[in-house]
Amino acid sequence: MKKVVAIQGAEGSNHHKVAIDFYGKEIQLSECMSFDVLVDNLLDKSAEVGVMALENTIAGSIIPNYALIDNSNLHIIDEEYLNIHHHLMALPNQTLKDIKEVWSHPMALLQCKEFFKQHPHIKLVEDVDTAEVAKRIAKHNLKGIAAIAPKIAAEIFDLEIIEDEIQTIKDNSTRFVIVQTDQPAINENVNKASLKFQLDHKRGSLAAILNVLSDCKMNLTKIQSLPVIETPWKYSFFVDITFEDYKQYKKAASILEIMAEEFKVLGTYKNGRR
């Protein structure tokens, strides 16, 4: 039986690339056009694991995905930091002069803005997904149309890369997490954790939590606040911490569970920056 992996987007996307990195090419893809549909695939057991982007060095955090993971009681079991490369691709035997339109996701178009300023004859058209456009070009033999997509899409759909690395900012990476519904077995070799907590709305409550993390030798790598919808002016905090000693992490977690109004471990896993 092939492992069923739910991804946001289509075959040939960066989500697909991450799925292959973790589980190899012999997987069954469940292509989801939104993260909500991806989570539904996990909850109804039509997929075993899901690949979700959480943050990007240019665009920042994908805040709704934190709430999706929390509200759906998903568990983060691994992560990958993927360098993002944008390539311009089309049907074979075409040059840049032959391209009249480029269809792609708005974020990809934005990240390649400077390149297209040099080619004003090309019309930019916003579309739903980078890899899905590449697939459509191949399926319908669309000449004069190009897609912005990862190199894997060109390989899958037999497209030709007209221009390599057209993104404005070359050092651009996205953090992806692997999520599932089942609680994973305890693994003391992990060195990173994602936590969520709520605090009393009083002076020094967050500082006290941060002091506990520091005293237990936890390295805070991310902190993100989200409003608690049911309670105006109250916030949940999502934090990522790295550590060297699992026992120290367990100590910190047990203290935070006492101090916080609500405390939850979203996942413990290996740091993707390895």
C-alpha atoms as a PDB file:
ATOM      1  CA  MET A   1       0.000   0.000   0.000  1.00  0.00           C
ATOM      2  CA  LYS A   2       1.325   3.422  -0.963  1.00  0.00           C
ATOM      3  CA  LYS A   3       1.417   6.057   1.753  1.00  0.00           C
ATOM      4  CA  VAL A   4      -1.323   8.643   1.149  1.00  0.00           C
ATOM      5  CA  VAL A   5       0.068  12.160   1.562  1.00  0.00           C
ATOM      6  CA  ALA A   6      -2.159  15.240   1.421  1.00  0.00           C
ATOM      7  CA  ILE A   7      -0.545  18.377   0.013  1.00  0.00           C
ATOM      8  CA  GLN A   8      -1.783  21.903  -0.543  1.00  0.00           C
ATOM      9  CA  GLY A   9      -1.608  22.496  -4.280  1.00  0.00           C
ATOM     10  CA  ALA A  10      -0.930  20.179  -7.164  1.00  0.00           C
ATOM     11  CA  GLU A  11       1.553  17.583  -8.310  1.00  0.00           C
ATOM     12  CA  GLY A  12       4.820  19.357  -9.128  1.00  0.00           C
ATOM     13  CA  SER A  13       4.445  21.984  -6.378  1.00  0.00           C
ATOM     14  CA  ASN A  14       6.850  22.731  -3.542  1.00  0.00           C
ATOM     15  CA  HIS A  15       4.502  20.846  -1.205  1.00  0.00           C
ATOM     16  CA  HIS A  16       4.916  17.830  -3.509  1.00  0.00           C
ATOM     17  CA  LYS A  17       8.717  18.261  -3.402  1.00  0.00           C
ATOM     18  CA  VAL A  18       8.648  18.144   0.423  1.00  0.00           C
ATOM     19  CA  ALA A  19       6.419  15.042   0.356  1.00  0.00           C
ATOM     20  CA  ILE A  20       8.963  13.290  -1.902  1.00  0.00           C
ATOM     21  CA  ASP A  21      11.855  14.375   0.335  1.00  0.00           C
ATOM     22  CA  PHE A  22      10.222  12.640   3.309  1.00  0.00           C
ATOM     23  CA  TYR A  23       8.448   9.660   1.771  1.00  0.00           C
ATOM     24  CA  GLY A  24       9.965   9.101  -1.681  1.00  0.00           C
ATOM     25  CA  LYS A  25       8.325   9.109  -5.093  1.00  0.00           C
ATOM     26  CA  GLU A  26       6.223   5.996  -4.455  1.00  0.00           C
ATOM     27  CA  ILE A  27       3.417   7.811  -2.653  1.00  0.00           C
ATOM     28  CA  GLN A  28      -0.238   8.426  -3.393  1.00  0.00           C
ATOM     29  CA  LEU A  29      -0.858  12.169  -3.551  1.00  0.00           C
ATOM     30  CA  SER A  30      -4.038  13.794  -2.333  1.00  0.00           C
ATOM     31  CA  GLU A  31      -4.036  17.195  -4.054  1.00  0.00           C
ATOM     32  CA  CYS A  32      -5.902  19.849  -2.066  1.00  0.00           C
ATOM     33  CA  MET A  33      -6.571  23.365  -3.340  1.00  0.00           C
ATOM     34  CA  SER A  34      -6.782  24.754   0.205  1.00  0.00           C
ATOM     35  CA  PHE A  35      -5.332  23.978   3.615  1.00  0.00           C
ATOM     36  CA  ASP A  36      -8.864  23.464   4.974  1.00  0.00           C
ATOM     37  CA  VAL A  37      -9.440  20.655   2.469  1.00  0.00           C
ATOM     38  CA  LEU A  38      -6.044  19.181   3.404  1.00  0.00           C
ATOM     39  CA  VAL A  39      -7.059  19.055   7.071  1.00  0.00           C
ATOM     40  CA  ASP A  40     -10.427  17.494   6.139  1.00  0.00           C
ATOM     41  CA  ASN A  41      -8.483  14.748   4.298  1.00  0.00           C
ATOM     42  CA  LEU A  42      -6.594  13.993   7.490  1.00  0.00           C
ATOM     43  CA  LEU A  43      -9.640  14.101   9.746  1.00  0.00           C
ATOM     44  CA  ASP A  44     -11.684  11.739   7.578  1.00  0.00           C
ATOM     45  CA  LYS A  45      -8.653   9.409   7.265  1.00  0.00           C
ATOM     46  CA  SER A  46      -8.477   9.617   3.471  1.00  0.00           C
ATOM     47  CA  ALA A  47      -4.844  10.723   3.949  1.00  0.00           C
ATOM     48  CA  GLU A  48      -2.301   9.523   6.518  1.00  0.00           C
ATOM     49  CA  VAL A  49      -0.101  12.607   6.713  1.00  0.00           C
ATOM     50  CA  GLY A  50      -0.224  16.157   5.395  1.00  0.00           C
ATOM     51  CA  VAL A  51       2.369  18.695   4.251  1.00  0.00           C
ATOM     52  CA  MET A  52       1.641  22.279   5.328  1.00  0.00           C
ATOM     53  CA  ALA A  53       3.617  25.474   4.801  1.00  0.00           C
ATOM     54  CA  LEU A  54       3.856  27.508   8.010  1.00  0.00           C
ATOM     55  CA  GLU A  55       6.125  30.462   7.267  1.00  0.00           C
ATOM     56  CA  ASN A  56       8.225  32.082   4.584  1.00  0.00           C
ATOM     57  CA  THR A  57      11.270  34.331   4.917  1.00  0.00           C
ATOM     58  CA  ILE A  58       9.629  36.957   2.689  1.00  0.00           C
ATOM     59  CA  ALA A  59       5.895  36.634   3.346  1.00  0.00           C
ATOM     60  CA  GLY A  60       6.151  35.782   7.060  1.00  0.00           C
ATOM     61  CA  SER A  61       3.870  33.423   8.989  1.00  0.00           C
ATOM     62  CA  ILE A  62       0.841  31.747   7.431  1.00  0.00           C
ATOM     63  CA  ILE A  63      -1.173  32.563  10.536  1.00  0.00           C
ATOM     64  CA  PRO A  64      -4.405  30.650   9.728  1.00  0.00           C
ATOM     65  CA  ASN A  65      -2.418  27.408   9.560  1.00  0.00           C
ATOM     66  CA  TYR A  66      -1.438  27.707  13.227  1.00  0.00           C
ATOM     67  CA  ALA A  67      -5.132  27.854  14.125  1.00  0.00           C
ATOM     68  CA  LEU A  68      -5.921  24.959  11.756  1.00  0.00           C
ATOM     69  CA  ILE A  69      -3.327  22.706  13.398  1.00  0.00           C
ATOM     70  CA  ASP A  70      -4.511  23.686  16.877  1.00  0.00           C
ATOM     71  CA  ASN A  71      -8.279  23.510  16.313  1.00  0.00           C
ATOM     72  CA  SER A  72      -8.046  20.206  14.442  1.00  0.00           C
ATOM     73  CA  ASN A  73      -5.782  18.661  17.127  1.00  0.00           C
ATOM     74  CA  LEU A  74      -3.131  17.760  14.574  1.00  0.00           C
ATOM     75  CA  HIS A  75       0.370  16.711  15.630  1.00  0.00           C
ATOM     76  CA  ILE A  76       3.519  18.103  14.027  1.00  0.00           C
ATOM     77  CA  ILE A  77       5.899  15.183  13.516  1.00  0.00           C
ATOM     78  CA  ASP A  78       8.618  16.723  11.347  1.00  0.00           C
ATOM     79  CA  GLU A  79       9.651  19.825   9.424  1.00  0.00           C
ATOM     80  CA  GLU A  80      11.716  20.940   6.425  1.00  0.00           C
ATOM     81  CA  TYR A  81      13.134  24.300   5.401  1.00  0.00           C
ATOM     82  CA  LEU A  82      12.984  24.389   1.602  1.00  0.00           C
ATOM     83  CA  ASN A  83      14.773  26.971  -0.527  1.00  0.00           C
ATOM     84  CA  ILE A  84      12.251  28.380  -2.987  1.00  0.00           C
ATOM     85  CA  HIS A  85      13.306  28.572  -6.641  1.00  0.00           C
ATOM     86  CA  HIS A  86      11.067  30.074  -9.316  1.00  0.00           C
ATOM     87  CA  HIS A  87      11.576  28.898 -12.894  1.00  0.00           C
ATOM     88  CA  LEU A  88       9.766  30.083 -16.024  1.00  0.00           C
ATOM     89  CA  MET A  89       8.576  27.086 -18.047  1.00  0.00           C
ATOM     90  CA  ALA A  90       6.522  26.428 -21.161  1.00  0.00           C
ATOM     91  CA  LEU A  91       6.002  23.919 -23.951  1.00  0.00           C
ATOM     92  CA  PRO A  92       9.273  22.987 -25.732  1.00  0.00           C
ATOM     93  CA  ASN A  93      10.860  24.943 -28.584  1.00  0.00           C
ATOM     94  CA  GLN A  94       9.749  28.382 -27.411  1.00  0.00           C
ATOM     95  CA  THR A  95      11.792  31.405 -26.370  1.00  0.00           C
ATOM     96  CA  LEU A  96      10.996  34.285 -24.063  1.00  0.00           C
ATOM     97  CA  LYS A  97       9.857  36.325 -27.086  1.00  0.00           C
ATOM     98  CA  ASP A  98       7.200  33.700 -27.855  1.00  0.00           C
ATOM     99  CA  ILE A  99       5.609  34.024 -24.411  1.00  0.00           C
ATOM    100  CA  LYS A 100       2.581  36.335 -24.351  1.00  0.00           C
ATOM    101  CA  GLU A 101       1.199  35.526 -20.893  1.00  0.00           C
ATOM    102  CA  VAL A 102       2.422  34.051 -17.616  1.00  0.00           C
ATOM    103  CA  TRP A 103      -0.159  32.460 -15.345  1.00  0.00           C
ATOM    104  CA  SER A 104       0.768  31.849 -11.724  1.00  0.00           C
ATOM    105  CA  HIS A 105      -0.118  32.238  -8.057  1.00  0.00           C
ATOM    106  CA  PRO A 106      -0.134  35.919  -6.982  1.00  0.00           C
ATOM    107  CA  MET A 107       2.715  35.342  -4.498  1.00  0.00           C
ATOM    108  CA  ALA A 108       4.943  33.808  -7.184  1.00  0.00           C
ATOM    109  CA  LEU A 109       4.218  36.727  -9.524  1.00  0.00           C
ATOM    110  CA  LEU A 110       5.049  39.183  -6.743  1.00  0.00           C
ATOM    111  CA  GLN A 111       8.325  37.421  -5.941  1.00  0.00           C
ATOM    112  CA  CYS A 112       9.369  37.653  -9.624  1.00  0.00           C
ATOM    113  CA  LYS A 113       8.234  41.239 -10.161  1.00  0.00           C
ATOM    114  CA  GLU A 114      11.662  42.651 -11.068  1.00  0.00           C
ATOM    115  CA  PHE A 115      12.232  40.013 -13.753  1.00  0.00           C
ATOM    116  CA  PHE A 116       8.972  40.830 -15.535  1.00  0.00           C
ATOM    117  CA  LYS A 117       9.682  44.564 -15.443  1.00  0.00           C
ATOM    118  CA  GLN A 118      12.393  43.758 -17.989  1.00  0.00           C
ATOM    119  CA  HIS A 119       9.854  42.001 -20.244  1.00  0.00           C
ATOM    120  CA  PRO A 120       6.840  44.318 -20.488  1.00  0.00           C
ATOM    121  CA  HIS A 121       5.382  42.422 -23.468  1.00  0.00           C
ATOM    122  CA  ILE A 122       4.363  39.606 -21.103  1.00  0.00           C
ATOM    123  CA  LYS A 123       0.939  39.856 -19.484  1.00  0.00           C
ATOM    124  CA  LEU A 124       0.806  38.555 -15.896  1.00  0.00           C
ATOM    125  CA  VAL A 125      -2.326  36.611 -14.957  1.00  0.00           C
ATOM    126  CA  GLU A 126      -3.097  35.535 -11.387  1.00  0.00           C
ATOM    127  CA  ASP A 127      -4.061  31.881 -11.020  1.00  0.00           C
ATOM    128  CA  VAL A 128      -4.786  29.386  -8.253  1.00  0.00           C
ATOM    129  CA  ASP A 129      -1.566  27.339  -8.133  1.00  0.00           C
ATOM    130  CA  THR A 130       1.853  27.350  -9.790  1.00  0.00           C
ATOM    131  CA  ALA A 131       2.124  23.622 -10.528  1.00  0.00           C
ATOM    132  CA  GLU A 132      -1.518  23.318 -11.589  1.00  0.00           C
ATOM    133  CA  VAL A 133      -0.839  25.918 -14.310  1.00  0.00           C
ATOM    134  CA  ALA A 134       2.149  23.892 -15.527  1.00  0.00           C
ATOM    135  CA  LYS A 135      -0.062  20.805 -15.682  1.00  0.00           C
ATOM    136  CA  ARG A 136      -2.750  22.704 -17.624  1.00  0.00           C
ATOM    137  CA  ILE A 137      -0.235  24.036 -20.167  1.00  0.00           C
ATOM    138  CA  ALA A 138       0.954  20.495 -20.882  1.00  0.00           C
ATOM    139  CA  LYS A 139      -2.506  18.926 -20.931  1.00  0.00           C
ATOM    140  CA  HIS A 140      -4.044  21.483 -23.308  1.00  0.00           C
ATOM    141  CA  ASN A 141      -0.885  22.158 -25.366  1.00  0.00           C
ATOM    142  CA  LEU A 142      -1.036  25.902 -24.616  1.00  0.00           C
ATOM    143  CA  LYS A 143       1.605  27.702 -26.650  1.00  0.00           C
ATOM    144  CA  GLY A 144       2.565  31.271 -25.803  1.00  0.00           C
ATOM    145  CA  ILE A 145       1.643  30.655 -22.142  1.00  0.00           C
ATOM    146  CA  ALA A 146       4.248  30.068 -19.412  1.00  0.00           C
ATOM    147  CA  ALA A 147       4.108  29.040 -15.773  1.00  0.00           C
ATOM    148  CA  ILE A 148       6.265  29.917 -12.787  1.00  0.00           C
ATOM    149  CA  ALA A 149       6.898  26.686 -10.930  1.00  0.00           C
ATOM    150  CA  PRO A 150       9.546  24.496  -9.267  1.00  0.00           C
ATOM    151  CA  LYS A 151      11.876  22.436 -11.468  1.00  0.00           C
ATOM    152  CA  ILE A 152      10.026  19.264 -10.465  1.00  0.00           C
ATOM    153  CA  ALA A 153       6.957  20.508 -12.391  1.00  0.00           C
ATOM    154  CA  ALA A 154       8.971  20.812 -15.632  1.00  0.00           C
ATOM    155  CA  GLU A 155      10.213  17.245 -15.171  1.00  0.00           C
ATOM    156  CA  ILE A 156       6.761  15.807 -14.481  1.00  0.00           C
ATOM    157  CA  PHE A 157       4.892  17.632 -17.265  1.00  0.00           C
ATOM    158  CA  ASP A 158       7.677  17.623 -19.918  1.00  0.00           C
ATOM    159  CA  LEU A 159       7.962  21.398 -20.058  1.00  0.00           C
ATOM    160  CA  GLU A 160      11.068  23.350 -20.979  1.00  0.00           C
ATOM    161  CA  ILE A 161      12.633  25.852 -18.605  1.00  0.00           C
ATOM    162  CA  ILE A 162      13.021  29.123 -20.480  1.00  0.00           C
ATOM    163  CA  GLU A 163      14.550  31.112 -17.615  1.00  0.00           C
ATOM    164  CA  ASP A 164      16.127  29.813 -14.392  1.00  0.00           C
ATOM    165  CA  GLU A 165      15.894  31.432 -10.955  1.00  0.00           C
ATOM    166  CA  ILE A 166      13.732  34.429 -11.819  1.00  0.00           C
ATOM    167  CA  GLN A 167      12.851  35.321  -8.217  1.00  0.00           C
ATOM    168  CA  THR A 168      13.950  38.791  -7.071  1.00  0.00           C
ATOM    169  CA  ILE A 169      15.281  37.658  -3.694  1.00  0.00           C
ATOM    170  CA  LYS A 170      17.504  34.629  -4.129  1.00  0.00           C
ATOM    171  CA  ASP A 171      17.675  33.635  -0.445  1.00  0.00           C
ATOM    172  CA  ASN A 172      14.007  32.724   0.019  1.00  0.00           C
ATOM    173  CA  SER A 173      12.926  29.689   2.016  1.00  0.00           C
ATOM    174  CA  THR A 174       9.690  28.253   3.357  1.00  0.00           C
ATOM    175  CA  ARG A 175       9.219  26.167   6.459  1.00  0.00           C
ATOM    176  CA  PHE A 176       6.974  23.144   5.898  1.00  0.00           C
ATOM    177  CA  VAL A 177       5.667  20.831   8.615  1.00  0.00           C
ATOM    178  CA  ILE A 178       4.442  17.241   8.415  1.00  0.00           C
ATOM    179  CA  VAL A 179       1.192  16.764  10.351  1.00  0.00           C
ATOM    180  CA  GLN A 180      -1.016  13.832  11.270  1.00  0.00           C
ATOM    181  CA  THR A 181      -4.019  13.127  13.489  1.00  0.00           C
ATOM    182  CA  ASP A 182      -2.480  10.328  15.568  1.00  0.00           C
ATOM    183  CA  GLN A 183      -0.312  11.032  18.591  1.00  0.00           C
ATOM    184  CA  PRO A 184       3.221   9.850  17.680  1.00  0.00           C
ATOM    185  CA  ALA A 185       5.223   7.586  19.963  1.00  0.00           C
ATOM    186  CA  ILE A 186       7.529   9.361  22.435  1.00  0.00           C
ATOM    187  CA  ASN A 187      10.955   9.932  20.917  1.00  0.00           C
ATOM    188  CA  GLU A 188      13.604  11.306  23.258  1.00  0.00           C
ATOM    189  CA  ASN A 189      15.947  12.023  20.328  1.00  0.00           C
ATOM    190  CA  VAL A 190      13.832  15.030  19.296  1.00  0.00           C
ATOM    191  CA  ASN A 191      15.288  18.514  19.805  1.00  0.00           C
ATOM    192  CA  LYS A 192      12.459  20.895  18.865  1.00  0.00           C
ATOM    193  CA  ALA A 193       8.915  21.487  20.092  1.00  0.00           C
ATOM    194  CA  SER A 194       5.920  23.575  19.050  1.00  0.00           C
ATOM    195  CA  LEU A 195       3.787  24.747  21.976  1.00  0.00           C
ATOM    196  CA  LYS A 196       0.597  26.746  22.456  1.00  0.00           C
ATOM    197  CA  PHE A 197      -0.533  28.502  25.632  1.00  0.00           C
ATOM    198  CA  GLN A 198      -2.915  31.162  26.935  1.00  0.00           C
ATOM    199  CA  LEU A 199      -2.100  33.509  29.800  1.00  0.00           C
ATOM    200  CA  ASP A 200      -3.855  35.778  32.278  1.00  0.00           C
ATOM    201  CA  HIS A 201      -4.082  39.308  30.930  1.00  0.00           C
ATOM    202  CA  LYS A 202      -1.817  40.795  33.562  1.00  0.00           C
ATOM    203  CA  ARG A 203       1.582  42.450  33.679  1.00  0.00           C
ATOM    204  CA  GLY A 204       4.565  40.141  33.537  1.00  0.00           C
ATOM    205  CA  SER A 205       2.712  36.918  32.663  1.00  0.00           C
ATOM    206  CA  LEU A 206       4.482  36.430  29.326  1.00  0.00           C
ATOM    207  CA  ALA A 207       7.838  37.485  30.786  1.00  0.00           C
ATOM    208  CA  ALA A 208       7.470  34.825  33.496  1.00  0.00           C
ATOM    209  CA  ILE A 209       6.914  32.134  30.864  1.00  0.00           C
ATOM    210  CA  LEU A 210       9.920  33.282  28.851  1.00  0.00           C
ATOM    211  CA  ASN A 211      12.058  33.212  32.001  1.00  0.00           C
ATOM    212  CA  VAL A 212      11.078  29.569  32.595  1.00  0.00           C
ATOM    213  CA  LEU A 213      12.136  28.679  29.049  1.00  0.00           C
ATOM    214  CA  SER A 214      15.445  30.468  29.556  1.00  0.00           C
ATOM    215  CA  ASP A 215      16.085  28.850  32.962  1.00  0.00           C
ATOM    216  CA  CYS A 216      15.459  25.400  31.437  1.00  0.00           C
ATOM    217  CA  LYS A 217      17.929  26.158  28.631  1.00  0.00           C
ATOM    218  CA  MET A 218      15.258  26.326  25.922  1.00  0.00           C
ATOM    219  CA  ASN A 219      16.085  28.405  22.830  1.00  0.00           C
ATOM    220  CA  LEU A 220      13.035  30.355  21.636  1.00  0.00           C
ATOM    221  CA  THR A 221      13.080  30.363  17.817  1.00  0.00           C
ATOM    222  CA  LYS A 222       9.541  31.579  17.113  1.00  0.00           C
ATOM    223  CA  ILE A 223       6.691  33.339  18.915  1.00  0.00           C
ATOM    224  CA  GLN A 224       3.358  34.112  17.287  1.00  0.00           C
ATOM    225  CA  SER A 225       0.229  35.483  18.929  1.00  0.00           C
ATOM    226  CA  LEU A 226      -3.328  34.847  17.767  1.00  0.00           C
ATOM    227  CA  PRO A 227      -6.489  36.408  19.222  1.00  0.00           C
ATOM    228  CA  VAL A 228      -8.844  34.113  21.109  1.00  0.00           C
ATOM    229  CA  ILE A 229     -11.996  34.610  19.035  1.00  0.00           C
ATOM    230  CA  GLU A 230     -14.461  33.994  21.866  1.00  0.00           C
ATOM    231  CA  THR A 231     -12.690  36.375  24.284  1.00  0.00           C
ATOM    232  CA  PRO A 232     -11.869  39.897  23.035  1.00  0.00           C
ATOM    233  CA  TRP A 233      -8.360  41.168  23.869  1.00  0.00           C
ATOM    234  CA  LYS A 234      -7.166  37.739  24.920  1.00  0.00           C
ATOM    235  CA  TYR A 235      -4.425  35.949  22.988  1.00  0.00           C
ATOM    236  CA  SER A 236      -2.992  32.503  22.453  1.00  0.00           C
ATOM    237  CA  PHE A 237       0.759  32.257  21.975  1.00  0.00           C
ATOM    238  CA  PHE A 238       2.360  29.745  19.620  1.00  0.00           C
ATOM    239  CA  VAL A 239       6.068  29.210  20.255  1.00  0.00           C
ATOM    240  CA  ASP A 240       8.807  27.022  18.825  1.00  0.00           C
ATOM    241  CA  ILE A 241      11.727  26.047  21.021  1.00  0.00           C
ATOM    242  CA  THR A 242      14.882  24.057  20.411  1.00  0.00           C
ATOM    243  CA  PHE A 243      16.822  22.211  23.096  1.00  0.00           C
ATOM    244  CA  GLU A 244      19.679  19.794  23.668  1.00  0.00           C
ATOM    245  CA  ASP A 245      18.359  17.928  26.709  1.00  0.00           C
ATOM    246  CA  TYR A 246      14.961  16.209  26.441  1.00  0.00           C
ATOM    247  CA  LYS A 247      14.647  16.023  30.239  1.00  0.00           C
ATOM    248  CA  GLN A 248      15.058  19.790  30.481  1.00  0.00           C
ATOM    249  CA  TYR A 249      12.350  20.194  27.852  1.00  0.00           C
ATOM    250  CA  LYS A 250       9.968  17.957  29.834  1.00  0.00           C
ATOM    251  CA  LYS A 251      10.723  20.012  32.939  1.00  0.00           C
ATOM    252  CA  ALA A 252       9.923  23.264  31.108  1.00  0.00           C
ATOM    253  CA  ALA A 253       6.708  21.804  29.669  1.00  0.00           C
ATOM    254  CA  SER A 254       5.495  20.621  33.089  1.00  0.00           C
ATOM    255  CA  ILE A 255       6.102  24.074  34.601  1.00  0.00           C
ATOM    256  CA  LEU A 256       4.341  25.845  31.722  1.00  0.00           C
ATOM    257  CA  GLU A 257       1.360  23.524  32.103  1.00  0.00           C
ATOM    258  CA  ILE A 258       0.971  24.781  35.681  1.00  0.00           C
ATOM    259  CA  MET A 259       1.576  28.457  34.904  1.00  0.00           C
ATOM    260  CA  ALA A 260      -0.555  28.839  31.772  1.00  0.00           C
ATOM    261  CA  GLU A 261      -4.350  28.964  31.677  1.00  0.00           C
ATOM    262  CA  GLU A 262      -4.257  26.570  28.749  1.00  0.00           C
ATOM    263  CA  PHE A 263      -1.219  24.614  27.543  1.00  0.00           C
ATOM    264  CA  LYS A 264      -0.808  22.279  24.587  1.00  0.00           C
ATOM    265  CA  VAL A 265       2.070  20.521  22.847  1.00  0.00           C
ATOM    266  CA  LEU A 266       1.499  20.710  19.086  1.00  0.00           C
ATOM    267  CA  GLY A 267       4.474  18.498  18.369  1.00  0.00           C
ATOM    268  CA  THR A 268       7.996  17.376  19.261  1.00  0.00           C
ATOM    269  CA  TYR A 269      10.312  16.556  16.372  1.00  0.00           C
ATOM    270  CA  LYS A 270      13.798  16.961  14.896  1.00  0.00           C
ATOM    271  CA  ASN A 271      14.901  20.476  14.068  1.00  0.00           C
ATOM    272  CA  GLY A 272      14.731  20.941  10.281  1.00  0.00           C
ATOM    273  CA  ARG A 273      17.788  23.212  10.371  1.00  0.00           C
ATOM    274  CA  ARG A 274      20.256  20.392  10.700  1.00  0.00           C
END
